Amino acid sequence: MLEYIKVILVKVAFDRMIFEKELRKGLDLLQPEERLKLKQWCYDNFVDRHLLILESLFAGTSRMSI
């Protein structure tokens, strides 16, 4: 599931609203350890385009609490 969510996020990265919607959906589907991997991957790949969304969705989360 994690790899599928990554594919979707890459495809919708051009649109801020769709990206946020799909990231929210993806986070709901994943287990905590997968969420950690997705968080790191998102920051590695989208920090330049979607920093505010990432900070919003991952705000207040540490590696232990996602």
N, C-alpha and C. Protein backbone atom coordinates (compact mmCIF):
# COMPACT_ATOMS: atom_id res chain seq x y z
N MET A 1 0.82 -1.19 0.00
CA MET A 1 0.00 0.00 0.00
C MET A 1 0.87 1.26 0.00
N LEU A 2 1.96 1.22 0.74
CA LEU A 2 2.85 2.38 0.81
C LEU A 2 3.36 2.76 -0.58
N GLU A 3 3.78 1.80 -1.34
CA GLU A 3 4.31 2.10 -2.67
C GLU A 3 3.21 2.67 -3.58
N TYR A 4 2.01 2.16 -3.45
CA TYR A 4 0.88 2.68 -4.23
C TYR A 4 0.61 4.14 -3.89
N ILE A 5 0.62 4.47 -2.61
CA ILE A 5 0.40 5.85 -2.18
C ILE A 5 1.48 6.77 -2.73
N LYS A 6 2.71 6.30 -2.74
CA LYS A 6 3.80 7.10 -3.31
C LYS A 6 3.55 7.39 -4.79
N VAL A 7 3.11 6.40 -5.53
CA VAL A 7 2.82 6.58 -6.96
C VAL A 7 1.73 7.63 -7.14
N ILE A 8 0.69 7.53 -6.35
CA ILE A 8 -0.41 8.50 -6.44
C ILE A 8 0.10 9.91 -6.13
N LEU A 9 0.87 10.07 -5.08
CA LEU A 9 1.36 11.39 -4.69
C LEU A 9 2.23 12.01 -5.78
N VAL A 10 3.05 11.21 -6.41
CA VAL A 10 3.88 11.72 -7.51
C VAL A 10 2.99 12.22 -8.64
N LYS A 11 1.95 11.48 -8.94
CA LYS A 11 1.07 11.84 -10.05
C LYS A 11 0.24 13.09 -9.78
N VAL A 12 -0.08 13.36 -8.52
CA VAL A 12 -0.93 14.51 -8.20
C VAL A 12 -0.16 15.69 -7.62
N ALA A 13 1.15 15.61 -7.59
CA ALA A 13 1.97 16.65 -6.96
C ALA A 13 1.82 18.01 -7.63
N PHE A 14 1.33 18.05 -8.84
CA PHE A 14 1.17 19.32 -9.55
C PHE A 14 0.07 20.19 -8.94
N ASP A 15 -0.85 19.59 -8.18
CA ASP A 15 -1.99 20.33 -7.63
C ASP A 15 -1.98 20.22 -6.10
N ARG A 16 -1.88 21.36 -5.44
CA ARG A 16 -1.75 21.40 -3.99
C ARG A 16 -2.94 20.75 -3.29
N MET A 17 -4.14 21.05 -3.72
CA MET A 17 -5.33 20.53 -3.06
C MET A 17 -5.47 19.01 -3.22
N ILE A 18 -5.23 18.53 -4.41
CA ILE A 18 -5.31 17.08 -4.64
C ILE A 18 -4.21 16.36 -3.88
N PHE A 19 -3.00 16.94 -3.87
CA PHE A 19 -1.89 16.34 -3.13
C PHE A 19 -2.26 16.19 -1.66
N GLU A 20 -2.78 17.25 -1.07
CA GLU A 20 -3.13 17.20 0.35
C GLU A 20 -4.22 16.16 0.61
N LYS A 21 -5.22 16.12 -0.24
CA LYS A 21 -6.31 15.15 -0.09
C LYS A 21 -5.78 13.72 -0.15
N GLU A 22 -4.93 13.44 -1.13
CA GLU A 22 -4.40 12.08 -1.30
C GLU A 22 -3.44 11.72 -0.18
N LEU A 23 -2.67 12.68 0.30
CA LEU A 23 -1.77 12.40 1.42
C LEU A 23 -2.58 12.09 2.67
N ARG A 24 -3.63 12.84 2.92
CA ARG A 24 -4.50 12.55 4.08
C ARG A 24 -5.09 11.14 3.97
N LYS A 25 -5.60 10.80 2.81
CA LYS A 25 -6.17 9.47 2.61
C LYS A 25 -5.11 8.39 2.83
N GLY A 26 -3.94 8.63 2.29
CA GLY A 26 -2.86 7.67 2.45
C GLY A 26 -2.47 7.45 3.89
N LEU A 27 -2.38 8.53 4.64
CA LEU A 27 -2.01 8.40 6.05
C LEU A 27 -3.05 7.60 6.83
N ASP A 28 -4.30 7.75 6.47
CA ASP A 28 -5.36 6.99 7.14
C ASP A 28 -5.26 5.49 6.87
N LEU A 29 -4.70 5.13 5.74
CA LEU A 29 -4.63 3.71 5.35
C LEU A 29 -3.42 2.98 5.90
N LEU A 30 -2.42 3.71 6.33
CA LEU A 30 -1.15 3.09 6.69
C LEU A 30 -1.02 2.79 8.17
N GLN A 31 -0.20 1.80 8.44
CA GLN A 31 0.19 1.48 9.81
C GLN A 31 1.22 2.50 10.28
N PRO A 32 1.40 2.64 11.59
CA PRO A 32 2.34 3.66 12.11
C PRO A 32 3.75 3.59 11.53
N GLU A 33 4.30 2.41 11.39
CA GLU A 33 5.67 2.32 10.85
C GLU A 33 5.73 2.73 9.38
N GLU A 34 4.65 2.47 8.64
CA GLU A 34 4.59 2.90 7.24
C GLU A 34 4.43 4.41 7.15
N ARG A 35 3.71 4.99 8.09
CA ARG A 35 3.56 6.45 8.12
C ARG A 35 4.90 7.14 8.30
N LEU A 36 5.75 6.55 9.12
CA LEU A 36 7.10 7.11 9.30
C LEU A 36 7.87 7.12 7.99
N LYS A 37 7.78 6.03 7.28
CA LYS A 37 8.47 5.93 5.99
C LYS A 37 7.89 6.92 4.98
N LEU A 38 6.58 7.07 4.97
CA LEU A 38 5.94 8.01 4.06
C LEU A 38 6.33 9.44 4.42
N LYS A 39 6.36 9.75 5.69
CA LYS A 39 6.76 11.10 6.12
C LYS A 39 8.14 11.44 5.60
N GLN A 40 9.10 10.55 5.81
CA GLN A 40 10.47 10.80 5.35
C GLN A 40 10.51 10.92 3.84
N TRP A 41 9.82 10.05 3.15
CA TRP A 41 9.80 10.08 1.69
C TRP A 41 9.19 11.38 1.19
N CYS A 42 8.10 11.82 1.81
CA CYS A 42 7.47 13.08 1.40
C CYS A 42 8.41 14.26 1.59
N TYR A 43 9.08 14.32 2.72
CA TYR A 43 10.03 15.41 2.94
C TYR A 43 11.20 15.33 1.95
N ASP A 44 11.62 14.14 1.62
CA ASP A 44 12.71 13.99 0.65
C ASP A 44 12.30 14.43 -0.75
N ASN A 45 11.03 14.25 -1.08
CA ASN A 45 10.59 14.48 -2.46
C ASN A 45 9.75 15.73 -2.71
N PHE A 46 9.08 16.26 -1.68
CA PHE A 46 8.13 17.34 -1.92
C PHE A 46 8.33 18.56 -1.05
N VAL A 47 9.41 18.62 -0.32
CA VAL A 47 9.61 19.75 0.59
C VAL A 47 9.67 21.07 -0.17
N ASP A 48 10.16 21.07 -1.38
CA ASP A 48 10.26 22.30 -2.16
C ASP A 48 8.91 22.78 -2.69
N ARG A 49 7.97 21.88 -2.94
CA ARG A 49 6.67 22.25 -3.50
C ARG A 49 5.54 22.29 -2.48
N HIS A 50 5.63 21.46 -1.46
CA HIS A 50 4.49 21.30 -0.55
C HIS A 50 4.89 21.35 0.92
N LEU A 51 5.83 22.18 1.25
CA LEU A 51 6.32 22.26 2.63
C LEU A 51 5.19 22.57 3.61
N LEU A 52 4.35 23.52 3.29
CA LEU A 52 3.28 23.91 4.23
C LEU A 52 2.30 22.76 4.48
N ILE A 53 2.00 22.01 3.46
CA ILE A 53 1.11 20.85 3.62
C ILE A 53 1.78 19.80 4.50
N LEU A 54 3.03 19.53 4.22
CA LEU A 54 3.75 18.53 5.01
C LEU A 54 3.82 18.94 6.47
N GLU A 55 4.16 20.20 6.71
CA GLU A 55 4.24 20.66 8.09
C GLU A 55 2.88 20.59 8.77
N SER A 56 1.84 20.89 8.04
CA SER A 56 0.49 20.85 8.60
C SER A 56 0.08 19.42 8.96
N LEU A 57 0.27 18.51 8.04
CA LEU A 57 -0.18 17.13 8.26
C LEU A 57 0.71 16.36 9.24
N PHE A 58 1.99 16.73 9.29
CA PHE A 58 2.90 16.04 10.17
C PHE A 58 3.25 16.85 11.41
N ALA A 59 2.56 17.98 11.63
CA ALA A 59 2.84 18.86 12.77
C ALA A 59 2.66 18.13 14.08
N GLY A 60 3.59 18.36 14.97
CA GLY A 60 3.47 17.78 16.30
C GLY A 60 3.69 16.28 16.35
N THR A 61 4.13 15.72 15.24
CA THR A 61 4.38 14.29 15.24
C THR A 61 5.87 14.05 15.31
N SER A 62 6.24 13.19 16.17
CA SER A 62 7.63 12.78 16.23
C SER A 62 7.72 11.42 15.57
N ARG A 63 8.88 10.89 15.53
CA ARG A 63 9.06 9.57 14.93
C ARG A 63 8.30 8.52 15.72
N MET A 64 8.04 8.78 16.98
CA MET A 64 7.34 7.79 17.81
C MET A 64 5.82 7.91 17.75
N SER A 65 5.31 9.09 17.40
CA SER A 65 3.87 9.27 17.55
C SER A 65 3.08 9.27 16.25
N ILE A 66 3.71 9.10 15.14
CA ILE A 66 2.94 9.08 13.88
C ILE A 66 2.13 7.79 13.83
